[in-house]
């Protein structure tokens, strides 16, 4: 009798483990690392416009050498891959977190070079 109970319990545990499966599925996209230059918090429209005015005072495009203090990942923002960032690309980059506000020391350095 004891042998029958122990055998039944062992079979139930074995079958239960086999039917349990792998658990909950992994959410889509959670295993994909972000590209180099991790995105930061996205900027609202007003902050994006302020940063654009600092980055491209002439208002036309932003070259790669001038983008460094503002753009986290230049290749991600330059969507058309033409070597410069348009205002439209810049705004899209703001929404995706690829544009950041420069720190205070960078802003001061930029003011010094304009004078």
PDB file of N, CA and C in Angstrom:
ATOM      1  N   UNK A   1       0.812  -1.186   0.000  1.00  0.00           N
ATOM      2  CA  UNK A   1       0.000   0.000   0.000  1.00  0.00           C
ATOM      3  C   UNK A   1       0.867   1.267   0.000  1.00  0.00           C
ATOM      4  N   UNK A   2       1.876   1.279   0.871  1.00  0.00           N
ATOM      5  CA  UNK A   2       2.756   2.431   0.925  1.00  0.00           C
ATOM      6  C   UNK A   2       3.467   2.620  -0.410  1.00  0.00           C
ATOM      7  N   UNK A   3       3.868   1.545  -1.029  1.00  0.00           N
ATOM      8  CA  UNK A   3       4.555   1.618  -2.297  1.00  0.00           C
ATOM      9  C   UNK A   3       3.649   2.220  -3.370  1.00  0.00           C
ATOM     10  N   UNK A   4       2.386   1.890  -3.349  1.00  0.00           N
ATOM     11  CA  UNK A   4       1.435   2.423  -4.334  1.00  0.00           C
ATOM     12  C   UNK A   4       1.255   3.928  -4.139  1.00  0.00           C
ATOM     13  N   UNK A   5       1.181   4.382  -2.909  1.00  0.00           N
ATOM     14  CA  UNK A   5       1.007   5.817  -2.616  1.00  0.00           C
ATOM     15  C   UNK A   5       2.259   6.590  -3.038  1.00  0.00           C
ATOM     16  N   UNK A   6       3.436   6.099  -2.671  1.00  0.00           N
ATOM     17  CA  UNK A   6       4.680   6.761  -3.013  1.00  0.00           C
ATOM     18  C   UNK A   6       4.844   6.818  -4.538  1.00  0.00           C
ATOM     19  N   UNK A   7       4.512   5.720  -5.218  1.00  0.00           N
ATOM     20  CA  UNK A   7       4.613   5.687  -6.672  1.00  0.00           C
ATOM     21  C   UNK A   7       3.638   6.679  -7.299  1.00  0.00           C
ATOM     22  N   UNK A   8       2.424   6.753  -6.810  1.00  0.00           N
ATOM     23  CA  UNK A   8       1.415   7.677  -7.339  1.00  0.00           C
ATOM     24  C   UNK A   8       1.852   9.135  -7.156  1.00  0.00           C
ATOM     25  N   UNK A   9       2.372   9.435  -5.979  1.00  0.00           N
ATOM     26  CA  UNK A   9       2.841  10.796  -5.716  1.00  0.00           C
ATOM     27  C   UNK A   9       4.001  11.145  -6.644  1.00  0.00           C
ATOM     28  N   UNK A  10       4.925  10.237  -6.842  1.00  0.00           N
ATOM     29  CA  UNK A  10       6.072  10.467  -7.715  1.00  0.00           C
ATOM     30  C   UNK A  10       5.605  10.700  -9.151  1.00  0.00           C
ATOM     31  N   UNK A  11       4.647   9.928  -9.605  1.00  0.00           N
ATOM     32  CA  UNK A  11       4.116  10.096 -10.957  1.00  0.00           C
ATOM     33  C   UNK A  11       3.413  11.448 -11.082  1.00  0.00           C
ATOM     34  N   UNK A  12       2.606  11.828 -10.109  1.00  0.00           N
ATOM     35  CA  UNK A  12       1.909  13.117 -10.147  1.00  0.00           C
ATOM     36  C   UNK A  12       2.886  14.286 -10.169  1.00  0.00           C
ATOM     37  N   UNK A  13       3.941  14.205  -9.390  1.00  0.00           N
ATOM     38  CA  UNK A  13       4.945  15.279  -9.373  1.00  0.00           C
ATOM     39  C   UNK A  13       5.651  15.349 -10.716  1.00  0.00           C
ATOM     40  N   UNK A  14       5.998  14.198 -11.273  1.00  0.00           N
ATOM     41  CA  UNK A  14       6.674  14.164 -12.564  1.00  0.00           C
ATOM     42  C   UNK A  14       5.802  14.727 -13.686  1.00  0.00           C
ATOM     43  N   UNK A  15       4.540  14.334 -13.719  1.00  0.00           N
ATOM     44  CA  UNK A  15       3.618  14.809 -14.751  1.00  0.00           C
ATOM     45  C   UNK A  15       3.356  16.305 -14.556  1.00  0.00           C
ATOM     46  N   UNK A  16       3.186  16.728 -13.326  1.00  0.00           N
ATOM     47  CA  UNK A  16       2.944  18.150 -13.050  1.00  0.00           C
ATOM     48  C   UNK A  16       4.114  19.014 -13.499  1.00  0.00           C
ATOM     49  N   UNK A  17       5.335  18.552 -13.277  1.00  0.00           N
ATOM     50  CA  UNK A  17       6.519  19.300 -13.706  1.00  0.00           C
ATOM     51  C   UNK A  17       6.620  19.345 -15.222  1.00  0.00           C
ATOM     52  N   UNK A  18       6.276  18.255 -15.881  1.00  0.00           N
ATOM     53  CA  UNK A  18       6.366  18.202 -17.341  1.00  0.00           C
ATOM     54  C   UNK A  18       5.341  19.126 -17.991  1.00  0.00           C
ATOM     55  N   UNK A  19       4.177  19.240 -17.407  1.00  0.00           N
ATOM     56  CA  UNK A  19       3.114  20.071 -17.968  1.00  0.00           C
ATOM     57  C   UNK A  19       3.241  21.549 -17.605  1.00  0.00           C
ATOM     58  N   UNK A  20       4.078  21.864 -16.631  1.00  0.00           N
ATOM     59  CA  UNK A  20       4.183  23.246 -16.159  1.00  0.00           C
ATOM     60  C   UNK A  20       4.771  24.166 -17.210  1.00  0.00           C
ATOM     61  N   UNK A  21       5.653  23.684 -18.063  1.00  0.00           N
ATOM     62  CA  UNK A  21       6.215  24.515 -19.123  1.00  0.00           C
ATOM     63  C   UNK A  21       7.295  25.447 -18.599  1.00  0.00           C
ATOM     64  N   UNK A  22       7.649  26.408 -19.433  1.00  0.00           N
ATOM     65  CA  UNK A  22       8.757  27.307 -19.117  1.00  0.00           C
ATOM     66  C   UNK A  22       8.355  28.544 -18.352  1.00  0.00           C
ATOM     67  N   UNK A  23       7.111  28.716 -18.051  1.00  0.00           N
ATOM     68  CA  UNK A  23       6.683  29.911 -17.334  1.00  0.00           C
ATOM     69  C   UNK A  23       6.163  30.971 -18.283  1.00  0.00           C
ATOM     70  N   UNK A  24       6.062  32.169 -17.791  1.00  0.00           N
ATOM     71  CA  UNK A  24       5.524  33.278 -18.588  1.00  0.00           C
ATOM     72  C   UNK A  24       6.476  33.633 -19.727  1.00  0.00           C
ATOM     73  N   UNK A  25       5.926  34.057 -20.867  1.00  0.00           N
ATOM     74  CA  UNK A  25       6.801  34.443 -21.978  1.00  0.00           C
ATOM     75  C   UNK A  25       7.567  35.731 -21.668  1.00  0.00           C
ATOM     76  N   UNK A  26       8.726  35.850 -22.278  1.00  0.00           N
ATOM     77  CA  UNK A  26       9.538  37.050 -22.115  1.00  0.00           C
ATOM     78  C   UNK A  26       8.927  38.152 -22.970  1.00  0.00           C
ATOM     79  N   UNK A  27       8.702  39.357 -22.422  1.00  0.00           N
ATOM     80  CA  UNK A  27       8.121  40.445 -23.206  1.00  0.00           C
ATOM     81  C   UNK A  27       8.983  40.770 -24.426  1.00  0.00           C
ATOM     82  N   UNK A  28       8.315  41.043 -25.537  1.00  0.00           N
ATOM     83  CA  UNK A  28       9.022  41.349 -26.775  1.00  0.00           C
ATOM     84  C   UNK A  28       9.854  42.615 -26.626  1.00  0.00           C
ATOM     85  N   UNK A  29      11.064  42.566 -27.141  1.00  0.00           N
ATOM     86  CA  UNK A  29      11.933  43.738 -27.130  1.00  0.00           C
ATOM     87  C   UNK A  29      12.781  43.873 -25.882  1.00  0.00           C
ATOM     88  N   UNK A  30      12.457  43.149 -24.824  1.00  0.00           N
ATOM     89  CA  UNK A  30      13.211  43.343 -23.589  1.00  0.00           C
ATOM     90  C   UNK A  30      14.614  42.757 -23.678  1.00  0.00           C
ATOM     91  N   UNK A  31      14.864  41.891 -24.655  1.00  0.00           N
ATOM     92  CA  UNK A  31      16.174  41.274 -24.777  1.00  0.00           C
ATOM     93  C   UNK A  31      17.075  42.009 -25.761  1.00  0.00           C
ATOM     94  N   UNK A  32      16.572  43.058 -26.378  1.00  0.00           N
ATOM     95  CA  UNK A  32      17.364  43.803 -27.350  1.00  0.00           C
ATOM     96  C   UNK A  32      18.011  45.001 -26.678  1.00  0.00           C
ATOM     97  N   UNK A  33      19.343  45.044 -26.615  1.00  0.00           N
ATOM     98  CA  UNK A  33      19.989  46.203 -25.989  1.00  0.00           C
ATOM     99  C   UNK A  33      19.836  47.434 -26.881  1.00  0.00           C
ATOM    100  N   UNK A  34      19.775  48.614 -26.289  1.00  0.00           N
ATOM    101  CA  UNK A  34      19.703  49.819 -27.110  1.00  0.00           C
ATOM    102  C   UNK A  34      21.017  50.033 -27.851  1.00  0.00           C
ATOM    103  N   UNK A  35      20.980  50.736 -28.979  1.00  0.00           N
ATOM    104  CA  UNK A  35      22.220  51.022 -29.689  1.00  0.00           C
ATOM    105  C   UNK A  35      23.164  51.848 -28.816  1.00  0.00           C
ATOM    106  N   UNK A  36      24.419  51.928 -29.227  1.00  0.00           N
ATOM    107  CA  UNK A  36      25.369  52.707 -28.443  1.00  0.00           C
ATOM    108  C   UNK A  36      24.886  54.137 -28.305  1.00  0.00           C
ATOM    109  N   UNK A  37      25.195  54.750 -27.209  1.00  0.00           N
ATOM    110  CA  UNK A  37      24.680  56.078 -26.931  1.00  0.00           C
ATOM    111  C   UNK A  37      23.254  55.933 -26.443  1.00  0.00           C
ATOM    112  N   UNK A  38      23.091  55.511 -25.230  1.00  0.00           N
ATOM    113  CA  UNK A  38      21.771  55.208 -24.686  1.00  0.00           C
ATOM    114  C   UNK A  38      20.892  56.441 -24.685  1.00  0.00           C
ATOM    115  N   UNK A  39      19.624  56.272 -25.042  1.00  0.00           N
ATOM    116  CA  UNK A  39      18.719  57.414 -25.020  1.00  0.00           C
ATOM    117  C   UNK A  39      18.490  57.901 -23.600  1.00  0.00           C
ATOM    118  N   UNK A  40      18.247  59.183 -23.471  1.00  0.00           N
ATOM    119  CA  UNK A  40      17.934  59.770 -22.179  1.00  0.00           C
ATOM    120  C   UNK A  40      16.447  60.112 -22.179  1.00  0.00           C
ATOM    121  N   UNK A  41      16.012  60.884 -21.221  1.00  0.00           N
ATOM    122  CA  UNK A  41      14.611  61.293 -21.174  1.00  0.00           C
ATOM    123  C   UNK A  41      14.309  62.168 -22.383  1.00  0.00           C
ATOM    124  N   UNK A  42      13.133  61.977 -22.958  1.00  0.00           N
ATOM    125  CA  UNK A  42      12.780  62.787 -24.125  1.00  0.00           C
ATOM    126  C   UNK A  42      12.495  64.225 -23.691  1.00  0.00           C
ATOM    127  N   UNK A  43      12.790  65.160 -24.583  1.00  0.00           N
ATOM    128  CA  UNK A  43      12.579  66.575 -24.302  1.00  0.00           C
ATOM    129  C   UNK A  43      11.218  67.001 -24.832  1.00  0.00           C
ATOM    130  N   UNK A  44      10.539  67.881 -24.094  1.00  0.00           N
ATOM    131  CA  UNK A  44       9.286  68.425 -24.606  1.00  0.00           C
ATOM    132  C   UNK A  44       9.593  69.429 -25.729  1.00  0.00           C
ATOM    133  N   UNK A  45       8.558  69.890 -26.428  1.00  0.00           N
ATOM    134  CA  UNK A  45       8.757  70.764 -27.586  1.00  0.00           C
ATOM    135  C   UNK A  45       9.515  72.049 -27.249  1.00  0.00           C
ATOM    136  N   UNK A  46       9.173  72.664 -26.112  1.00  0.00           N
ATOM    137  CA  UNK A  46       9.827  73.921 -25.737  1.00  0.00           C
ATOM    138  C   UNK A  46      11.318  73.702 -25.448  1.00  0.00           C
ATOM    139  N   UNK A  47      11.633  72.661 -24.699  1.00  0.00           N
ATOM    140  CA  UNK A  47      13.038  72.365 -24.390  1.00  0.00           C
ATOM    141  C   UNK A  47      13.792  71.988 -25.664  1.00  0.00           C
ATOM    142  N   UNK A  48      13.128  71.265 -26.544  1.00  0.00           N
ATOM    143  CA  UNK A  48      13.755  70.878 -27.807  1.00  0.00           C
ATOM    144  C   UNK A  48      14.089  72.115 -28.637  1.00  0.00           C
ATOM    145  N   UNK A  49      13.172  73.061 -28.692  1.00  0.00           N
ATOM    146  CA  UNK A  49      13.415  74.294 -29.442  1.00  0.00           C
ATOM    147  C   UNK A  49      14.569  75.090 -28.839  1.00  0.00           C
ATOM    148  N   UNK A  50      14.636  75.144 -27.515  1.00  0.00           N
ATOM    149  CA  UNK A  50      15.732  75.854 -26.843  1.00  0.00           C
ATOM    150  C   UNK A  50      17.085  75.225 -27.188  1.00  0.00           C
ATOM    151  N   UNK A  51      17.138  73.898 -27.153  1.00  0.00           N
ATOM    152  CA  UNK A  51      18.387  73.206 -27.455  1.00  0.00           C
ATOM    153  C   UNK A  51      18.743  73.394 -28.931  1.00  0.00           C
ATOM    154  N   UNK A  52      17.734  73.354 -29.820  1.00  0.00           N
ATOM    155  CA  UNK A  52      17.996  73.566 -31.247  1.00  0.00           C
ATOM    156  C   UNK A  52      18.600  74.946 -31.494  1.00  0.00           C
ATOM    157  N   UNK A  53      18.071  75.967 -30.793  1.00  0.00           N
ATOM    158  CA  UNK A  53      18.599  77.327 -30.957  1.00  0.00           C
ATOM    159  C   UNK A  53      20.050  77.421 -30.510  1.00  0.00           C
ATOM    160  N   UNK A  54      20.408  76.678 -29.460  1.00  0.00           N
ATOM    161  CA  UNK A  54      21.805  76.657 -29.015  1.00  0.00           C
ATOM    162  C   UNK A  54      22.676  75.880 -29.998  1.00  0.00           C
ATOM    163  N   UNK A  55      22.155  74.755 -30.470  1.00  0.00           N
ATOM    164  CA  UNK A  55      22.948  73.867 -31.312  1.00  0.00           C
ATOM    165  C   UNK A  55      23.136  74.422 -32.721  1.00  0.00           C
ATOM    166  N   UNK A  56      22.070  74.987 -33.276  1.00  0.00           N
ATOM    167  CA  UNK A  56      22.120  75.486 -34.659  1.00  0.00           C
ATOM    168  C   UNK A  56      21.563  76.899 -34.701  1.00  0.00           C
ATOM    169  N   UNK A  57      22.337  77.900 -34.272  1.00  0.00           N
ATOM    170  CA  UNK A  57      21.835  79.270 -34.210  1.00  0.00           C
ATOM    171  C   UNK A  57      21.360  79.801 -35.561  1.00  0.00           C
ATOM    172  N   UNK A  58      21.963  79.338 -36.644  1.00  0.00           N
ATOM    173  CA  UNK A  58      21.535  79.782 -37.976  1.00  0.00           C
ATOM    174  C   UNK A  58      20.200  79.148 -38.355  1.00  0.00           C
ATOM    175  N   UNK A  59      19.856  78.040 -37.698  1.00  0.00           N
ATOM    176  CA  UNK A  59      18.544  77.426 -37.870  1.00  0.00           C
ATOM    177  C   UNK A  59      18.386  76.494 -39.038  1.00  0.00           C
ATOM    178  N   UNK A  60      19.454  76.193 -39.791  1.00  0.00           N
ATOM    179  CA  UNK A  60      19.280  75.340 -40.953  1.00  0.00           C
ATOM    180  C   UNK A  60      19.565  73.865 -40.649  1.00  0.00           C
ATOM    181  N   UNK A  61      20.810  73.487 -40.481  1.00  0.00           N
ATOM    182  CA  UNK A  61      21.172  72.108 -40.153  1.00  0.00           C
ATOM    183  C   UNK A  61      22.254  72.092 -39.088  1.00  0.00           C
ATOM    184  N   UNK A  62      22.492  70.919 -38.549  1.00  0.00           N
ATOM    185  CA  UNK A  62      23.492  70.733 -37.500  1.00  0.00           C
ATOM    186  C   UNK A  62      24.507  69.703 -37.985  1.00  0.00           C
ATOM    187  N   UNK A  63      25.762  70.113 -38.065  1.00  0.00           N
ATOM    188  CA  UNK A  63      26.813  69.192 -38.507  1.00  0.00           C
ATOM    189  C   UNK A  63      27.253  68.315 -37.336  1.00  0.00           C
ATOM    190  N   UNK A  64      27.924  67.219 -37.668  1.00  0.00           N
ATOM    191  CA  UNK A  64      28.343  66.258 -36.652  1.00  0.00           C
ATOM    192  C   UNK A  64      29.288  66.878 -35.628  1.00  0.00           C
ATOM    193  N   UNK A  65      30.217  67.727 -36.067  1.00  0.00           N
ATOM    194  CA  UNK A  65      31.183  68.318 -35.135  1.00  0.00           C
ATOM    195  C   UNK A  65      30.525  69.289 -34.161  1.00  0.00           C
ATOM    196  N   UNK A  66      29.427  69.911 -34.542  1.00  0.00           N
ATOM    197  CA  UNK A  66      28.717  70.838 -33.648  1.00  0.00           C
ATOM    198  C   UNK A  66      27.682  70.125 -32.778  1.00  0.00           C
ATOM    199  N   UNK A  67      27.360  68.879 -33.103  1.00  0.00           N
ATOM    200  CA  UNK A  67      26.279  68.166 -32.419  1.00  0.00           C
ATOM    201  C   UNK A  67      26.700  67.489 -31.119  1.00  0.00           C
ATOM    202  N   UNK A  68      27.978  67.327 -30.901  1.00  0.00           N
ATOM    203  CA  UNK A  68      28.475  66.528 -29.778  1.00  0.00           C
ATOM    204  C   UNK A  68      27.851  66.859 -28.420  1.00  0.00           C
ATOM    205  N   UNK A  69      27.728  68.123 -28.013  1.00  0.00           N
ATOM    206  CA  UNK A  69      27.158  68.371 -26.678  1.00  0.00           C
ATOM    207  C   UNK A  69      25.660  68.093 -26.589  1.00  0.00           C
ATOM    208  N   UNK A  70      24.991  67.924 -27.723  1.00  0.00           N
ATOM    209  CA  UNK A  70      23.536  67.836 -27.737  1.00  0.00           C
ATOM    210  C   UNK A  70      23.001  66.469 -28.124  1.00  0.00           C
ATOM    211  N   UNK A  71      23.691  65.779 -29.007  1.00  0.00           N
ATOM    212  CA  UNK A  71      23.182  64.546 -29.590  1.00  0.00           C
ATOM    213  C   UNK A  71      23.867  63.342 -28.952  1.00  0.00           C
ATOM    214  N   UNK A  72      23.061  62.443 -28.394  1.00  0.00           N
ATOM    215  CA  UNK A  72      23.584  61.255 -27.728  1.00  0.00           C
ATOM    216  C   UNK A  72      24.163  60.277 -28.744  1.00  0.00           C
ATOM    217  N   UNK A  73      23.472  60.064 -29.857  1.00  0.00           N
ATOM    218  CA  UNK A  73      23.929  59.143 -30.891  1.00  0.00           C
ATOM    219  C   UNK A  73      23.615  59.762 -32.252  1.00  0.00           C
ATOM    220  N   UNK A  74      24.618  60.330 -32.880  1.00  0.00           N
ATOM    221  CA  UNK A  74      24.442  61.093 -34.113  1.00  0.00           C
ATOM    222  C   UNK A  74      23.815  60.247 -35.225  1.00  0.00           C
ATOM    223  N   UNK A  75      24.271  59.013 -35.382  1.00  0.00           N
ATOM    224  CA  UNK A  75      23.771  58.158 -36.453  1.00  0.00           C
ATOM    225  C   UNK A  75      22.281  57.859 -36.301  1.00  0.00           C
ATOM    226  N   UNK A  76      21.790  57.771 -35.086  1.00  0.00           N
ATOM    227  CA  UNK A  76      20.363  57.512 -34.864  1.00  0.00           C
ATOM    228  C   UNK A  76      19.524  58.740 -35.211  1.00  0.00           C
ATOM    229  N   UNK A  77      20.043  59.926 -34.986  1.00  0.00           N
ATOM    230  CA  UNK A  77      19.286  61.155 -35.251  1.00  0.00           C
ATOM    231  C   UNK A  77      19.334  61.520 -36.735  1.00  0.00           C
ATOM    232  N   UNK A  78      20.476  61.314 -37.381  1.00  0.00           N
ATOM    233  CA  UNK A  78      20.609  61.619 -38.814  1.00  0.00           C
ATOM    234  C   UNK A  78      19.922  60.512 -39.619  1.00  0.00           C
ATOM    235  N   UNK A  79      18.600  60.553 -39.655  1.00  0.00           N
ATOM    236  CA  UNK A  79      17.794  59.480 -40.239  1.00  0.00           C
ATOM    237  C   UNK A  79      18.051  59.282 -41.725  1.00  0.00           C
ATOM    238  N   UNK A  80      18.267  60.354 -42.463  1.00  0.00           N
ATOM    239  CA  UNK A  80      18.482  60.212 -43.908  1.00  0.00           C
ATOM    240  C   UNK A  80      19.950  59.985 -44.268  1.00  0.00           C
ATOM    241  N   UNK A  81      20.813  59.943 -43.255  1.00  0.00           N
ATOM    242  CA  UNK A  81      22.242  59.631 -43.410  1.00  0.00           C
ATOM    243  C   UNK A  81      22.951  60.548 -44.405  1.00  0.00           C
ATOM    244  N   UNK A  82      22.575  61.836 -44.402  1.00  0.00           N
ATOM    245  CA  UNK A  82      23.215  62.783 -45.325  1.00  0.00           C
ATOM    246  C   UNK A  82      24.373  63.555 -44.693  1.00  0.00           C
ATOM    247  N   UNK A  83      24.696  63.254 -43.435  1.00  0.00           N
ATOM    248  CA  UNK A  83      25.836  63.899 -42.792  1.00  0.00           C
ATOM    249  C   UNK A  83      25.501  65.152 -42.010  1.00  0.00           C
ATOM    250  N   UNK A  84      24.229  65.551 -41.999  1.00  0.00           N
ATOM    251  CA  UNK A  84      23.813  66.693 -41.178  1.00  0.00           C
ATOM    252  C   UNK A  84      22.410  66.421 -40.642  1.00  0.00           C
ATOM    253  N   UNK A  85      22.099  67.069 -39.540  1.00  0.00           N
ATOM    254  CA  UNK A  85      20.795  66.884 -38.902  1.00  0.00           C
ATOM    255  C   UNK A  85      19.930  68.093 -39.202  1.00  0.00           C
ATOM    256  N   UNK A  86      18.764  67.834 -39.772  1.00  0.00           N
ATOM    257  CA  UNK A  86      17.810  68.913 -40.038  1.00  0.00           C
ATOM    258  C   UNK A  86      17.016  69.186 -38.763  1.00  0.00           C
ATOM    259  N   UNK A  87      16.265  70.272 -38.760  1.00  0.00           N
ATOM    260  CA  UNK A  87      15.454  70.590 -37.593  1.00  0.00           C
ATOM    261  C   UNK A  87      14.391  69.513 -37.366  1.00  0.00           C
ATOM    262  N   UNK A  88      13.845  68.981 -38.422  1.00  0.00           N
ATOM    263  CA  UNK A  88      12.854  67.908 -38.315  1.00  0.00           C
ATOM    264  C   UNK A  88      13.462  66.655 -37.686  1.00  0.00           C
ATOM    265  N   UNK A  89      14.653  66.271 -38.130  1.00  0.00           N
ATOM    266  CA  UNK A  89      15.337  65.114 -37.545  1.00  0.00           C
ATOM    267  C   UNK A  89      15.664  65.379 -36.078  1.00  0.00           C
ATOM    268  N   UNK A  90      16.054  66.602 -35.779  1.00  0.00           N
ATOM    269  CA  UNK A  90      16.381  66.988 -34.411  1.00  0.00           C
ATOM    270  C   UNK A  90      15.156  66.832 -33.513  1.00  0.00           C
ATOM    271  N   UNK A  91      13.993  67.305 -33.977  1.00  0.00           N
ATOM    272  CA  UNK A  91      12.759  67.206 -33.192  1.00  0.00           C
ATOM    273  C   UNK A  91      12.368  65.749 -32.976  1.00  0.00           C
ATOM    274  N   UNK A  92      12.524  64.931 -34.002  1.00  0.00           N
ATOM    275  CA  UNK A  92      12.243  63.500 -33.849  1.00  0.00           C
ATOM    276  C   UNK A  92      13.188  62.893 -32.810  1.00  0.00           C
ATOM    277  N   UNK A  93      14.461  63.291 -32.870  1.00  0.00           N
ATOM    278  CA  UNK A  93      15.438  62.820 -31.898  1.00  0.00           C
ATOM    279  C   UNK A  93      15.104  63.244 -30.477  1.00  0.00           C
ATOM    280  N   UNK A  94      14.545  64.445 -30.324  1.00  0.00           N
ATOM    281  CA  UNK A  94      14.115  64.906 -28.992  1.00  0.00           C
ATOM    282  C   UNK A  94      13.059  63.970 -28.420  1.00  0.00           C
ATOM    283  N   UNK A  95      12.103  63.603 -29.251  1.00  0.00           N
ATOM    284  CA  UNK A  95      11.011  62.734 -28.799  1.00  0.00           C
ATOM    285  C   UNK A  95      11.465  61.337 -28.443  1.00  0.00           C
ATOM    286  N   UNK A  96      12.562  60.894 -29.055  1.00  0.00           N
ATOM    287  CA  UNK A  96      13.060  59.540 -28.802  1.00  0.00           C
ATOM    288  C   UNK A  96      14.139  59.494 -27.723  1.00  0.00           C
ATOM    289  N   UNK A  97      14.503  60.655 -27.184  1.00  0.00           N
ATOM    290  CA  UNK A  97      15.507  60.685 -26.124  1.00  0.00           C
ATOM    291  C   UNK A  97      16.936  60.724 -26.630  1.00  0.00           C
ATOM    292  N   UNK A  98      17.156  61.001 -27.920  1.00  0.00           N
ATOM    293  CA  UNK A  98      18.503  61.041 -28.481  1.00  0.00           C
ATOM    294  C   UNK A  98      19.129  62.422 -28.386  1.00  0.00           C
ATOM    295  N   UNK A  99      18.354  63.423 -27.942  1.00  0.00           N
ATOM    296  CA  UNK A  99      18.861  64.778 -27.772  1.00  0.00           C
ATOM    297  C   UNK A  99      18.848  65.094 -26.284  1.00  0.00           C
ATOM    298  N   UNK A 100      19.894  65.746 -25.808  1.00  0.00           N
ATOM    299  CA  UNK A 100      19.977  66.097 -24.391  1.00  0.00           C
ATOM    300  C   UNK A 100      20.315  67.572 -24.234  1.00  0.00           C
ATOM    301  N   UNK A 101      19.933  68.105 -23.104  1.00  0.00           N
ATOM    302  CA  UNK A 101      20.333  69.471 -22.770  1.00  0.00           C
ATOM    303  C   UNK A 101      21.794  69.437 -22.358  1.00  0.00           C
ATOM    304  N   UNK A 102      22.590  70.365 -22.845  1.00  0.00           N
ATOM    305  CA  UNK A 102      23.990  70.380 -22.417  1.00  0.00           C
ATOM    306  C   UNK A 102      24.095  70.836 -20.962  1.00  0.00           C
ATOM    307  N   UNK A 103      25.165  70.432 -20.300  1.00  0.00           N
ATOM    308  CA  UNK A 103      25.358  70.870 -18.918  1.00  0.00           C
ATOM    309  C   UNK A 103      25.767  72.348 -18.891  1.00  0.00           C
ATOM    310  N   UNK A 104      25.729  72.932 -17.715  1.00  0.00           N
ATOM    311  CA  UNK A 104      25.966  74.369 -17.556  1.00  0.00           C
ATOM    312  C   UNK A 104      27.353  74.783 -18.043  1.00  0.00           C
ATOM    313  N   UNK A 105      28.373  73.977 -17.794  1.00  0.00           N
ATOM    314  CA  UNK A 105      29.723  74.348 -18.226  1.00  0.00           C
ATOM    315  C   UNK A 105      29.820  74.397 -19.750  1.00  0.00           C
ATOM    316  N   UNK A 106      29.138  73.499 -20.426  1.00  0.00           N
ATOM    317  CA  UNK A 106      29.142  73.509 -21.890  1.00  0.00           C
ATOM    318  C   UNK A 106      28.447  74.750 -22.419  1.00  0.00           C
ATOM    319  N   UNK A 107      27.333  75.116 -21.791  1.00  0.00           N
ATOM    320  CA  UNK A 107      26.609  76.315 -22.205  1.00  0.00           C
ATOM    321  C   UNK A 107      27.490  77.545 -22.026  1.00  0.00           C
ATOM    322  N   UNK A 108      28.195  77.640 -20.897  1.00  0.00           N
ATOM    323  CA  UNK A 108      29.095  78.777 -20.647  1.00  0.00           C
ATOM    324  C   UNK A 108      30.226  78.826 -21.667  1.00  0.00           C
ATOM    325  N   UNK A 109      30.784  77.671 -22.003  1.00  0.00           N
ATOM    326  CA  UNK A 109      31.852  77.623 -23.004  1.00  0.00           C
ATOM    327  C   UNK A 109      31.334  78.098 -24.356  1.00  0.00           C
ATOM    328  N   UNK A 110      30.112  77.722 -24.688  1.00  0.00           N
ATOM    329  CA  UNK A 110      29.524  78.130 -25.976  1.00  0.00           C
ATOM    330  C   UNK A 110      29.314  79.638 -26.004  1.00  0.00           C
ATOM    331  N   UNK A 111      28.889  80.203 -24.888  1.00  0.00           N
ATOM    332  CA  UNK A 111      28.704  81.659 -24.823  1.00  0.00           C
ATOM    333  C   UNK A 111      30.024  82.374 -24.981  1.00  0.00           C
ATOM    334  N   UNK A 112      31.096  81.823 -24.378  1.00  0.00           N
ATOM    335  CA  UNK A 112      32.413  82.445 -24.468  1.00  0.00           C
ATOM    336  C   UNK A 112      32.945  82.436 -25.896  1.00  0.00           C
ATOM    337  N   UNK A 113      32.682  81.371 -26.634  1.00  0.00           N
ATOM    338  CA  UNK A 113      33.206  81.297 -27.997  1.00  0.00           C
ATOM    339  C   UNK A 113      32.426  82.161 -28.970  1.00  0.00           C
ATOM    340  N   UNK A 114      31.188  82.537 -28.636  1.00  0.00           N
ATOM    341  CA  UNK A 114      30.388  83.378 -29.511  1.00  0.00           C
ATOM    342  C   UNK A 114      30.788  84.847 -29.401  1.00  0.00           C
ATOM    343  N   UNK A 115      31.386  85.220 -28.285  1.00  0.00           N
ATOM    344  CA  UNK A 115      31.722  86.633 -28.073  1.00  0.00           C
ATOM    345  C   UNK A 115      33.002  87.006 -28.744  1.00  0.00           C
TER     346      UNK A 115
END
